[in-house]
């Protein structure tokens, strides 16, 4: 695998309470009621460790910290691990795919 291929994308399920946030709704105009709301990120860490850091408020995203429920590995495991460049691109692509499927998506 090598040091170069140690980056991961990850998806965190967010509580539906995030739908009360104006900024979240503004970037998700095509959200389909009842679909999941998620945070999509990338990291050089294990996704489980990164999730724990979000929840502990360590270099965390506000939505992931306040509304994060659990990781959704079925949505990202197939892509990991990868290079930094691929992870950076995949984070964006995965967010786009999920939005197109009607998910509410936040990306930092």
PDB file of N, CA and C in Angstrom:
ATOM      1  N   UNK A   1       0.834  -1.175   0.000  1.00  0.00           N
ATOM      2  CA  UNK A   1       0.000   0.000   0.000  1.00  0.00           C
ATOM      3  C   UNK A   1       0.883   1.244   0.000  1.00  0.00           C
ATOM      4  N   UNK A   2       1.847   1.329   0.846  1.00  0.00           N
ATOM      5  CA  UNK A   2       2.760   2.459   0.869  1.00  0.00           C
ATOM      6  C   UNK A   2       2.171   3.686   1.536  1.00  0.00           C
ATOM      7  N   UNK A   3       3.048   4.556   1.950  1.00  0.00           N
ATOM      8  CA  UNK A   3       2.635   5.790   2.631  1.00  0.00           C
ATOM      9  C   UNK A   3       1.787   6.682   1.732  1.00  0.00           C
ATOM     10  N   UNK A   4       2.073   6.653   0.461  1.00  0.00           N
ATOM     11  CA  UNK A   4       1.373   7.518  -0.482  1.00  0.00           C
ATOM     12  C   UNK A   4      -0.121   7.196  -0.571  1.00  0.00           C
ATOM     13  N   UNK A   5      -0.496   5.955  -0.389  1.00  0.00           N
ATOM     14  CA  UNK A   5      -1.894   5.526  -0.518  1.00  0.00           C
ATOM     15  C   UNK A   5      -2.534   5.303   0.847  1.00  0.00           C
ATOM     16  N   UNK A   6      -2.492   6.297   1.702  1.00  0.00           N
ATOM     17  CA  UNK A   6      -3.083   6.101   3.022  1.00  0.00           C
ATOM     18  C   UNK A   6      -4.252   7.040   3.299  1.00  0.00           C
ATOM     19  N   UNK A   7      -4.785   7.688   2.277  1.00  0.00           N
ATOM     20  CA  UNK A   7      -5.900   8.618   2.458  1.00  0.00           C
ATOM     21  C   UNK A   7      -7.229   7.918   2.231  1.00  0.00           C
ATOM     22  N   UNK A   8      -8.244   8.430   2.921  1.00  0.00           N
ATOM     23  CA  UNK A   8      -9.566   7.824   2.873  1.00  0.00           C
ATOM     24  C   UNK A   8     -10.639   8.887   2.733  1.00  0.00           C
ATOM     25  N   UNK A   9     -11.719   8.529   2.038  1.00  0.00           N
ATOM     26  CA  UNK A   9     -12.933   9.321   2.105  1.00  0.00           C
ATOM     27  C   UNK A   9     -13.829   8.651   3.141  1.00  0.00           C
ATOM     28  N   UNK A  10     -14.739   9.418   3.710  1.00  0.00           N
ATOM     29  CA  UNK A  10     -15.658   8.851   4.689  1.00  0.00           C
ATOM     30  C   UNK A  10     -16.968   9.613   4.643  1.00  0.00           C
ATOM     31  N   UNK A  11     -18.026   8.960   5.129  1.00  0.00           N
ATOM     32  CA  UNK A  11     -19.360   9.554   5.150  1.00  0.00           C
ATOM     33  C   UNK A  11     -19.930   9.350   6.541  1.00  0.00           C
ATOM     34  N   UNK A  12     -20.392  10.453   7.137  1.00  0.00           N
ATOM     35  CA  UNK A  12     -21.012  10.423   8.463  1.00  0.00           C
ATOM     36  C   UNK A  12     -22.500  10.700   8.303  1.00  0.00           C
ATOM     37  N   UNK A  13     -23.330   9.857   8.869  1.00  0.00           N
ATOM     38  CA  UNK A  13     -24.766  10.127   8.915  1.00  0.00           C
ATOM     39  C   UNK A  13     -25.010  11.257   9.901  1.00  0.00           C
ATOM     40  N   UNK A  14     -25.814  12.226   9.499  1.00  0.00           N
ATOM     41  CA  UNK A  14     -26.168  13.343  10.359  1.00  0.00           C
ATOM     42  C   UNK A  14     -27.615  13.203  10.829  1.00  0.00           C
ATOM     43  N   UNK A  15     -27.863  13.674  12.032  1.00  0.00           N
ATOM     44  CA  UNK A  15     -29.215  13.706  12.565  1.00  0.00           C
ATOM     45  C   UNK A  15     -30.091  14.573  11.676  1.00  0.00           C
ATOM     46  N   UNK A  16     -31.365  14.234  11.581  1.00  0.00           N
ATOM     47  CA  UNK A  16     -32.277  15.055  10.772  1.00  0.00           C
ATOM     48  C   UNK A  16     -32.447  16.459  11.343  1.00  0.00           C
ATOM     49  N   UNK A  17     -31.991  16.679  12.575  1.00  0.00           N
ATOM     50  CA  UNK A  17     -32.025  18.023  13.163  1.00  0.00           C
ATOM     51  C   UNK A  17     -31.185  19.006  12.357  1.00  0.00           C
ATOM     52  N   UNK A  18     -30.242  18.508  11.568  1.00  0.00           N
ATOM     53  CA  UNK A  18     -29.417  19.385  10.737  1.00  0.00           C
ATOM     54  C   UNK A  18     -30.287  20.123   9.710  1.00  0.00           C
ATOM     55  N   UNK A  19     -31.452  19.587   9.423  1.00  0.00           N
ATOM     56  CA  UNK A  19     -32.358  20.232   8.468  1.00  0.00           C
ATOM     57  C   UNK A  19     -32.925  21.544   9.002  1.00  0.00           C
ATOM     58  N   UNK A  20     -32.740  21.819  10.282  1.00  0.00           N
ATOM     59  CA  UNK A  20     -33.162  23.090  10.870  1.00  0.00           C
ATOM     60  C   UNK A  20     -32.127  24.190  10.633  1.00  0.00           C
ATOM     61  N   UNK A  21     -30.962  23.815  10.101  1.00  0.00           N
ATOM     62  CA  UNK A  21     -29.880  24.763   9.845  1.00  0.00           C
ATOM     63  C   UNK A  21     -30.064  25.401   8.462  1.00  0.00           C
ATOM     64  N   UNK A  22     -30.193  26.721   8.422  1.00  0.00           N
ATOM     65  CA  UNK A  22     -30.429  27.442   7.174  1.00  0.00           C
ATOM     66  C   UNK A  22     -29.322  27.190   6.155  1.00  0.00           C
ATOM     67  N   UNK A  23     -28.062  27.249   6.593  1.00  0.00           N
ATOM     68  CA  UNK A  23     -26.944  27.047   5.655  1.00  0.00           C
ATOM     69  C   UNK A  23     -26.973  25.654   5.031  1.00  0.00           C
ATOM     70  N   UNK A  24     -27.330  24.645   5.828  1.00  0.00           N
ATOM     71  CA  UNK A  24     -27.395  23.276   5.311  1.00  0.00           C
ATOM     72  C   UNK A  24     -28.459  23.184   4.223  1.00  0.00           C
ATOM     73  N   UNK A  25     -29.619  23.751   4.489  1.00  0.00           N
ATOM     74  CA  UNK A  25     -30.707  23.704   3.503  1.00  0.00           C
ATOM     75  C   UNK A  25     -30.371  24.480   2.240  1.00  0.00           C
ATOM     76  N   UNK A  26     -29.657  25.569   2.391  1.00  0.00           N
ATOM     77  CA  UNK A  26     -29.315  26.416   1.244  1.00  0.00           C
ATOM     78  C   UNK A  26     -28.468  25.667   0.214  1.00  0.00           C
ATOM     79  N   UNK A  27     -27.562  24.796   0.672  1.00  0.00           N
ATOM     80  CA  UNK A  27     -26.697  24.051  -0.257  1.00  0.00           C
ATOM     81  C   UNK A  27     -27.317  22.723  -0.701  1.00  0.00           C
ATOM     82  N   UNK A  28     -28.541  22.450  -0.239  1.00  0.00           N
ATOM     83  CA  UNK A  28     -29.220  21.209  -0.603  1.00  0.00           C
ATOM     84  C   UNK A  28     -30.636  21.471  -1.116  1.00  0.00           C
ATOM     85  N   UNK A  29     -30.772  22.289  -2.158  1.00  0.00           N
ATOM     86  CA  UNK A  29     -32.114  22.636  -2.641  1.00  0.00           C
ATOM     87  C   UNK A  29     -32.889  21.450  -3.211  1.00  0.00           C
ATOM     88  N   UNK A  30     -32.193  20.388  -3.622  1.00  0.00           N
ATOM     89  CA  UNK A  30     -32.864  19.232  -4.218  1.00  0.00           C
ATOM     90  C   UNK A  30     -32.976  18.053  -3.252  1.00  0.00           C
ATOM     91  N   UNK A  31     -32.817  18.340  -1.944  1.00  0.00           N
ATOM     92  CA  UNK A  31     -32.943  17.289  -0.927  1.00  0.00           C
ATOM     93  C   UNK A  31     -34.332  16.654  -1.013  1.00  0.00           C
ATOM     94  N   UNK A  32     -34.362  15.343  -0.974  1.00  0.00           N
ATOM     95  CA  UNK A  32     -35.615  14.596  -1.006  1.00  0.00           C
ATOM     96  C   UNK A  32     -35.983  14.226   0.427  1.00  0.00           C
ATOM     97  N   UNK A  33     -37.142  14.692   0.859  1.00  0.00           N
ATOM     98  CA  UNK A  33     -37.603  14.446   2.224  1.00  0.00           C
ATOM     99  C   UNK A  33     -37.556  12.951   2.552  1.00  0.00           C
ATOM    100  N   UNK A  34     -36.940  12.636   3.681  1.00  0.00           N
ATOM    101  CA  UNK A  34     -36.821  11.246   4.116  1.00  0.00           C
ATOM    102  C   UNK A  34     -35.481  10.608   3.797  1.00  0.00           C
ATOM    103  N   UNK A  35     -34.719  11.200   2.881  1.00  0.00           N
ATOM    104  CA  UNK A  35     -33.379  10.687   2.578  1.00  0.00           C
ATOM    105  C   UNK A  35     -32.433  11.063   3.711  1.00  0.00           C
ATOM    106  N   UNK A  36     -31.296  10.390   3.769  1.00  0.00           N
ATOM    107  CA  UNK A  36     -30.308  10.685   4.802  1.00  0.00           C
ATOM    108  C   UNK A  36     -29.630  12.024   4.559  1.00  0.00           C
ATOM    109  N   UNK A  37     -29.198  12.612   5.654  1.00  0.00           N
ATOM    110  CA  UNK A  37     -28.324  13.774   5.614  1.00  0.00           C
ATOM    111  C   UNK A  37     -26.944  13.285   6.035  1.00  0.00           C
ATOM    112  N   UNK A  38     -25.909  13.737   5.336  1.00  0.00           N
ATOM    113  CA  UNK A  38     -24.572  13.210   5.572  1.00  0.00           C
ATOM    114  C   UNK A  38     -23.517  14.309   5.505  1.00  0.00           C
ATOM    115  N   UNK A  39     -22.396  14.020   6.122  1.00  0.00           N
ATOM    116  CA  UNK A  39     -21.185  14.814   5.988  1.00  0.00           C
ATOM    117  C   UNK A  39     -20.195  13.953   5.224  1.00  0.00           C
ATOM    118  N   UNK A  40     -19.577  14.496   4.178  1.00  0.00           N
ATOM    119  CA  UNK A  40     -18.581  13.769   3.388  1.00  0.00           C
ATOM    120  C   UNK A  40     -17.233  14.441   3.601  1.00  0.00           C
ATOM    121  N   UNK A  41     -16.228  13.639   3.957  1.00  0.00           N
ATOM    122  CA  UNK A  41     -14.900  14.186   4.189  1.00  0.00           C
ATOM    123  C   UNK A  41     -13.810  13.277   3.669  1.00  0.00           C
ATOM    124  N   UNK A  42     -12.575  13.741   3.815  1.00  0.00           N
ATOM    125  CA  UNK A  42     -11.404  12.931   3.476  1.00  0.00           C
ATOM    126  C   UNK A  42     -10.383  13.104   4.587  1.00  0.00           C
ATOM    127  N   UNK A  43      -9.543  12.103   4.761  1.00  0.00           N
ATOM    128  CA  UNK A  43      -8.583  12.128   5.855  1.00  0.00           C
ATOM    129  C   UNK A  43      -7.404  11.215   5.570  1.00  0.00           C
ATOM    130  N   UNK A  44      -6.293  11.499   6.229  1.00  0.00           N
ATOM    131  CA  UNK A  44      -5.141  10.611   6.196  1.00  0.00           C
ATOM    132  C   UNK A  44      -5.193   9.628   7.354  1.00  0.00           C
ATOM    133  N   UNK A  45      -6.228   9.729   8.175  1.00  0.00           N
ATOM    134  CA  UNK A  45      -6.415   8.849   9.331  1.00  0.00           C
ATOM    135  C   UNK A  45      -7.401   7.741   8.989  1.00  0.00           C
ATOM    136  N   UNK A  46      -7.525   6.790   9.894  1.00  0.00           N
ATOM    137  CA  UNK A  46      -8.588   5.801   9.796  1.00  0.00           C
ATOM    138  C   UNK A  46      -9.918   6.547   9.969  1.00  0.00           C
ATOM    139  N   UNK A  47     -10.931   6.275   9.157  1.00  0.00           N
ATOM    140  CA  UNK A  47     -12.200   6.985   9.292  1.00  0.00           C
ATOM    141  C   UNK A  47     -12.817   6.911  10.689  1.00  0.00           C
ATOM    142  N   UNK A  48     -12.659   5.787  11.385  1.00  0.00           N
ATOM    143  CA  UNK A  48     -13.193   5.679  12.751  1.00  0.00           C
ATOM    144  C   UNK A  48     -12.536   6.691  13.680  1.00  0.00           C
ATOM    145  N   UNK A  49     -11.231   6.829  13.562  1.00  0.00           N
ATOM    146  CA  UNK A  49     -10.500   7.794  14.387  1.00  0.00           C
ATOM    147  C   UNK A  49     -10.907   9.220  14.019  1.00  0.00           C
ATOM    148  N   UNK A  50     -11.065   9.481  12.734  1.00  0.00           N
ATOM    149  CA  UNK A  50     -11.463  10.823  12.308  1.00  0.00           C
ATOM    150  C   UNK A  50     -12.855  11.172  12.826  1.00  0.00           C
ATOM    151  N   UNK A  51     -13.774  10.211  12.797  1.00  0.00           N
ATOM    152  CA  UNK A  51     -15.117  10.425  13.343  1.00  0.00           C
ATOM    153  C   UNK A  51     -15.038  10.765  14.830  1.00  0.00           C
ATOM    154  N   UNK A  52     -14.231  10.009  15.571  1.00  0.00           N
ATOM    155  CA  UNK A  52     -14.073  10.279  17.005  1.00  0.00           C
ATOM    156  C   UNK A  52     -13.544  11.690  17.240  1.00  0.00           C
ATOM    157  N   UNK A  53     -12.620  12.128  16.397  1.00  0.00           N
ATOM    158  CA  UNK A  53     -12.079  13.492  16.536  1.00  0.00           C
ATOM    159  C   UNK A  53     -13.145  14.543  16.261  1.00  0.00           C
ATOM    160  N   UNK A  54     -13.956  14.311  15.251  1.00  0.00           N
ATOM    161  CA  UNK A  54     -15.066  15.240  14.987  1.00  0.00           C
ATOM    162  C   UNK A  54     -15.944  15.359  16.228  1.00  0.00           C
ATOM    163  N   UNK A  55     -16.342  14.224  16.787  1.00  0.00           N
ATOM    164  CA  UNK A  55     -17.257  14.233  17.924  1.00  0.00           C
ATOM    165  C   UNK A  55     -16.629  14.868  19.163  1.00  0.00           C
ATOM    166  N   UNK A  56     -15.310  14.762  19.300  1.00  0.00           N
ATOM    167  CA  UNK A  56     -14.605  15.343  20.447  1.00  0.00           C
ATOM    168  C   UNK A  56     -14.289  16.826  20.228  1.00  0.00           C
ATOM    169  N   UNK A  57     -14.585  17.344  19.055  1.00  0.00           N
ATOM    170  CA  UNK A  57     -14.317  18.746  18.776  1.00  0.00           C
ATOM    171  C   UNK A  57     -12.884  19.033  18.385  1.00  0.00           C
ATOM    172  N   UNK A  58     -12.146  18.017  17.993  1.00  0.00           N
ATOM    173  CA  UNK A  58     -10.740  18.174  17.586  1.00  0.00           C
ATOM    174  C   UNK A  58     -10.688  18.324  16.071  1.00  0.00           C
ATOM    175  N   UNK A  59     -10.319  19.507  15.597  1.00  0.00           N
ATOM    176  CA  UNK A  59     -10.299  19.799  14.156  1.00  0.00           C
ATOM    177  C   UNK A  59     -11.587  19.325  13.507  1.00  0.00           C
ATOM    178  N   UNK A  60     -12.697  19.664  14.150  1.00  0.00           N
ATOM    179  CA  UNK A  60     -13.970  19.118  13.704  1.00  0.00           C
ATOM    180  C   UNK A  60     -14.761  20.101  12.858  1.00  0.00           C
ATOM    181  N   UNK A  61     -15.637  19.547  12.069  1.00  0.00           N
ATOM    182  CA  UNK A  61     -16.620  20.321  11.354  1.00  0.00           C
ATOM    183  C   UNK A  61     -17.818  20.475  12.285  1.00  0.00           C
ATOM    184  N   UNK A  62     -18.398  21.650  12.303  1.00  0.00           N
ATOM    185  CA  UNK A  62     -19.510  21.933  13.215  1.00  0.00           C
ATOM    186  C   UNK A  62     -20.667  20.941  13.032  1.00  0.00           C
ATOM    187  N   UNK A  63     -21.052  20.678  11.784  1.00  0.00           N
ATOM    188  CA  UNK A  63     -22.171  19.765  11.544  1.00  0.00           C
ATOM    189  C   UNK A  63     -21.828  18.333  11.955  1.00  0.00           C
ATOM    190  N   UNK A  64     -20.613  17.898  11.661  1.00  0.00           N
ATOM    191  CA  UNK A  64     -20.195  16.544  12.045  1.00  0.00           C
ATOM    192  C   UNK A  64     -20.162  16.413  13.568  1.00  0.00           C
ATOM    193  N   UNK A  65     -19.698  17.453  14.254  1.00  0.00           N
ATOM    194  CA  UNK A  65     -19.616  17.400  15.709  1.00  0.00           C
ATOM    195  C   UNK A  65     -21.002  17.407  16.346  1.00  0.00           C
ATOM    196  N   UNK A  66     -21.851  18.340  15.933  1.00  0.00           N
ATOM    197  CA  UNK A  66     -23.161  18.502  16.583  1.00  0.00           C
ATOM    198  C   UNK A  66     -24.190  17.468  16.156  1.00  0.00           C
ATOM    199  N   UNK A  67     -24.149  17.065  14.894  1.00  0.00           N
ATOM    200  CA  UNK A  67     -25.213  16.222  14.359  1.00  0.00           C
ATOM    201  C   UNK A  67     -24.759  14.830  13.931  1.00  0.00           C
ATOM    202  N   UNK A  68     -23.449  14.535  14.005  1.00  0.00           N
ATOM    203  CA  UNK A  68     -22.938  13.243  13.555  1.00  0.00           C
ATOM    204  C   UNK A  68     -23.446  12.087  14.395  1.00  0.00           C
ATOM    205  N   UNK A  69     -23.962  11.065  13.731  1.00  0.00           N
ATOM    206  CA  UNK A  69     -24.504   9.893  14.417  1.00  0.00           C
ATOM    207  C   UNK A  69     -23.586   8.684  14.297  1.00  0.00           C
ATOM    208  N   UNK A  70     -23.168   8.396  13.071  1.00  0.00           N
ATOM    209  CA  UNK A  70     -22.354   7.202  12.828  1.00  0.00           C
ATOM    210  C   UNK A  70     -21.748   7.279  11.437  1.00  0.00           C
ATOM    211  N   UNK A  71     -20.711   6.490  11.241  1.00  0.00           N
ATOM    212  CA  UNK A  71     -20.131   6.344   9.909  1.00  0.00           C
ATOM    213  C   UNK A  71     -21.028   5.447   9.062  1.00  0.00           C
ATOM    214  N   UNK A  72     -20.998   5.675   7.753  1.00  0.00           N
ATOM    215  CA  UNK A  72     -21.758   4.857   6.811  1.00  0.00           C
ATOM    216  C   UNK A  72     -20.780   4.186   5.842  1.00  0.00           C
ATOM    217  N   UNK A  73     -20.041   3.165   6.321  1.00  0.00           N
ATOM    218  CA  UNK A  73     -18.979   2.555   5.518  1.00  0.00           C
ATOM    219  C   UNK A  73     -19.443   1.974   4.186  1.00  0.00           C
ATOM    220  N   UNK A  74     -20.695   1.575   4.070  1.00  0.00           N
ATOM    221  CA  UNK A  74     -21.179   1.031   2.793  1.00  0.00           C
ATOM    222  C   UNK A  74     -21.104   2.060   1.674  1.00  0.00           C
ATOM    223  N   UNK A  75     -21.054   3.339   2.039  1.00  0.00           N
ATOM    224  CA  UNK A  75     -21.013   4.399   1.032  1.00  0.00           C
ATOM    225  C   UNK A  75     -19.596   4.811   0.630  1.00  0.00           C
ATOM    226  N   UNK A  76     -18.565   4.300   1.344  1.00  0.00           N
ATOM    227  CA  UNK A  76     -17.210   4.775   1.032  1.00  0.00           C
ATOM    228  C   UNK A  76     -16.110   3.720   1.059  1.00  0.00           C
ATOM    229  N   UNK A  77     -16.305   2.615   1.739  1.00  0.00           N
ATOM    230  CA  UNK A  77     -15.203   1.652   1.927  1.00  0.00           C
ATOM    231  C   UNK A  77     -14.580   1.153   0.627  1.00  0.00           C
ATOM    232  N   UNK A  78     -15.380   1.012  -0.408  1.00  0.00           N
ATOM    233  CA  UNK A  78     -14.874   0.474  -1.673  1.00  0.00           C
ATOM    234  C   UNK A  78     -13.809   1.369  -2.307  1.00  0.00           C
ATOM    235  N   UNK A  79     -13.778   2.639  -1.937  1.00  0.00           N
ATOM    236  CA  UNK A  79     -12.840   3.583  -2.542  1.00  0.00           C
ATOM    237  C   UNK A  79     -11.494   3.648  -1.823  1.00  0.00           C
ATOM    238  N   UNK A  80     -11.434   3.226  -0.584  1.00  0.00           N
ATOM    239  CA  UNK A  80     -10.245   3.411   0.257  1.00  0.00           C
ATOM    240  C   UNK A  80      -9.300   2.227   0.213  1.00  0.00           C
ATOM    241  N   UNK A  81      -8.014   2.434   0.450  1.00  0.00           N
ATOM    242  CA  UNK A  81      -7.282   3.695   0.566  1.00  0.00           C
ATOM    243  C   UNK A  81      -6.870   4.204  -0.811  1.00  0.00           C
ATOM    244  N   UNK A  82      -6.372   5.451  -0.840  1.00  0.00           N
ATOM    245  CA  UNK A  82      -5.978   6.058  -2.106  1.00  0.00           C
ATOM    246  C   UNK A  82      -4.967   7.171  -1.856  1.00  0.00           C
ATOM    247  N   UNK A  83      -4.485   7.750  -2.924  1.00  0.00           N
ATOM    248  CA  UNK A  83      -3.552   8.866  -2.795  1.00  0.00           C
ATOM    249  C   UNK A  83      -4.304  10.111  -2.326  1.00  0.00           C
ATOM    250  N   UNK A  84      -3.560  11.095  -1.877  1.00  0.00           N
ATOM    251  CA  UNK A  84      -4.159  12.358  -1.446  1.00  0.00           C
ATOM    252  C   UNK A  84      -4.975  12.976  -2.584  1.00  0.00           C
ATOM    253  N   UNK A  85      -4.397  13.029  -3.762  1.00  0.00           N
ATOM    254  CA  UNK A  85      -5.068  13.646  -4.907  1.00  0.00           C
ATOM    255  C   UNK A  85      -6.368  12.921  -5.239  1.00  0.00           C
ATOM    256  N   UNK A  86      -6.332  11.596  -5.226  1.00  0.00           N
ATOM    257  CA  UNK A  86      -7.541  10.820  -5.512  1.00  0.00           C
ATOM    258  C   UNK A  86      -8.594  11.003  -4.425  1.00  0.00           C
ATOM    259  N   UNK A  87      -8.166  11.059  -3.164  1.00  0.00           N
ATOM    260  CA  UNK A  87      -9.111  11.248  -2.060  1.00  0.00           C
ATOM    261  C   UNK A  87      -9.760  12.624  -2.141  1.00  0.00           C
ATOM    262  N   UNK A  88      -8.960  13.629  -2.459  1.00  0.00           N
ATOM    263  CA  UNK A  88      -9.478  14.996  -2.595  1.00  0.00           C
ATOM    264  C   UNK A  88     -10.557  15.036  -3.685  1.00  0.00           C
ATOM    265  N   UNK A  89     -10.278  14.406  -4.813  1.00  0.00           N
ATOM    266  CA  UNK A  89     -11.237  14.381  -5.916  1.00  0.00           C
ATOM    267  C   UNK A  89     -12.454  13.524  -5.580  1.00  0.00           C
ATOM    268  N   UNK A  90     -12.206  12.382  -4.949  1.00  0.00           N
ATOM    269  CA  UNK A  90     -13.308  11.473  -4.624  1.00  0.00           C
ATOM    270  C   UNK A  90     -14.260  12.082  -3.600  1.00  0.00           C
ATOM    271  N   UNK A  91     -13.735  12.880  -2.687  1.00  0.00           N
ATOM    272  CA  UNK A  91     -14.607  13.554  -1.710  1.00  0.00           C
ATOM    273  C   UNK A  91     -15.643  14.414  -2.443  1.00  0.00           C
ATOM    274  N   UNK A  92     -15.194  15.161  -3.420  1.00  0.00           N
ATOM    275  CA  UNK A  92     -16.094  16.020  -4.189  1.00  0.00           C
ATOM    276  C   UNK A  92     -17.069  15.175  -5.006  1.00  0.00           C
ATOM    277  N   UNK A  93     -16.543  14.176  -5.699  1.00  0.00           N
ATOM    278  CA  UNK A  93     -17.385  13.327  -6.542  1.00  0.00           C
ATOM    279  C   UNK A  93     -18.448  12.590  -5.730  1.00  0.00           C
ATOM    280  N   UNK A  94     -18.052  12.075  -4.569  1.00  0.00           N
ATOM    281  CA  UNK A  94     -18.994  11.352  -3.726  1.00  0.00           C
ATOM    282  C   UNK A  94     -20.095  12.281  -3.235  1.00  0.00           C
ATOM    283  N   UNK A  95     -19.736  13.485  -2.856  1.00  0.00           N
ATOM    284  CA  UNK A  95     -20.738  14.468  -2.447  1.00  0.00           C
ATOM    285  C   UNK A  95     -21.728  14.762  -3.564  1.00  0.00           C
ATOM    286  N   UNK A  96     -21.211  14.913  -4.774  1.00  0.00           N
ATOM    287  CA  UNK A  96     -22.074  15.177  -5.933  1.00  0.00           C
ATOM    288  C   UNK A  96     -23.016  14.004  -6.175  1.00  0.00           C
ATOM    289  N   UNK A  97     -22.479  12.787  -6.157  1.00  0.00           N
ATOM    290  CA  UNK A  97     -23.305  11.590  -6.376  1.00  0.00           C
ATOM    291  C   UNK A  97     -24.421  11.477  -5.345  1.00  0.00           C
ATOM    292  N   UNK A  98     -24.078  11.724  -4.078  1.00  0.00           N
ATOM    293  CA  UNK A  98     -25.086  11.615  -3.024  1.00  0.00           C
ATOM    294  C   UNK A  98     -26.143  12.713  -3.154  1.00  0.00           C
ATOM    295  N   UNK A  99     -25.722  13.925  -3.484  1.00  0.00           N
ATOM    296  CA  UNK A  99     -26.692  15.022  -3.701  1.00  0.00           C
ATOM    297  C   UNK A  99     -27.629  14.682  -4.858  1.00  0.00           C
ATOM    298  N   UNK A 100     -27.059  14.158  -5.936  1.00  0.00           N
ATOM    299  CA  UNK A 100     -27.887  13.788  -7.099  1.00  0.00           C
ATOM    300  C   UNK A 100     -28.893  12.706  -6.743  1.00  0.00           C
ATOM    301  N   UNK A 101     -28.579  11.882  -5.731  1.00  0.00           N
ATOM    302  CA  UNK A 101     -29.487  10.828  -5.283  1.00  0.00           C
ATOM    303  C   UNK A 101     -30.499  11.349  -4.256  1.00  0.00           C
ATOM    304  N   UNK A 102     -30.449  12.663  -3.960  1.00  0.00           N
ATOM    305  CA  UNK A 102     -31.429  13.259  -3.065  1.00  0.00           C
ATOM    306  C   UNK A 102     -31.015  13.379  -1.616  1.00  0.00           C
ATOM    307  N   UNK A 103     -29.776  12.962  -1.294  1.00  0.00           N
ATOM    308  CA  UNK A 103     -29.274  13.094   0.071  1.00  0.00           C
ATOM    309  C   UNK A 103     -29.039  14.573   0.390  1.00  0.00           C
ATOM    310  N   UNK A 104     -29.098  14.909   1.671  1.00  0.00           N
ATOM    311  CA  UNK A 104     -28.630  16.210   2.130  1.00  0.00           C
ATOM    312  C   UNK A 104     -27.147  16.046   2.429  1.00  0.00           C
ATOM    313  N   UNK A 105     -26.283  16.883   1.828  1.00  0.00           N
ATOM    314  CA  UNK A 105     -24.834  16.693   1.926  1.00  0.00           C
ATOM    315  C   UNK A 105     -24.164  17.968   2.402  1.00  0.00           C
ATOM    316  N   UNK A 106     -23.230  17.797   3.355  1.00  0.00           N
ATOM    317  CA  UNK A 106     -22.350  18.887   3.755  1.00  0.00           C
ATOM    318  C   UNK A 106     -20.918  18.454   3.527  1.00  0.00           C
ATOM    319  N   UNK A 107     -20.126  19.345   2.932  1.00  0.00           N
ATOM    320  CA  UNK A 107     -18.696  19.110   2.749  1.00  0.00           C
ATOM    321  C   UNK A 107     -17.965  20.360   3.195  1.00  0.00           C
ATOM    322  N   UNK A 108     -16.848  20.174   3.907  1.00  0.00           N
ATOM    323  CA  UNK A 108     -16.097  21.340   4.374  1.00  0.00           C
ATOM    324  C   UNK A 108     -15.205  21.874   3.277  1.00  0.00           C
TER     325      UNK A 108
END
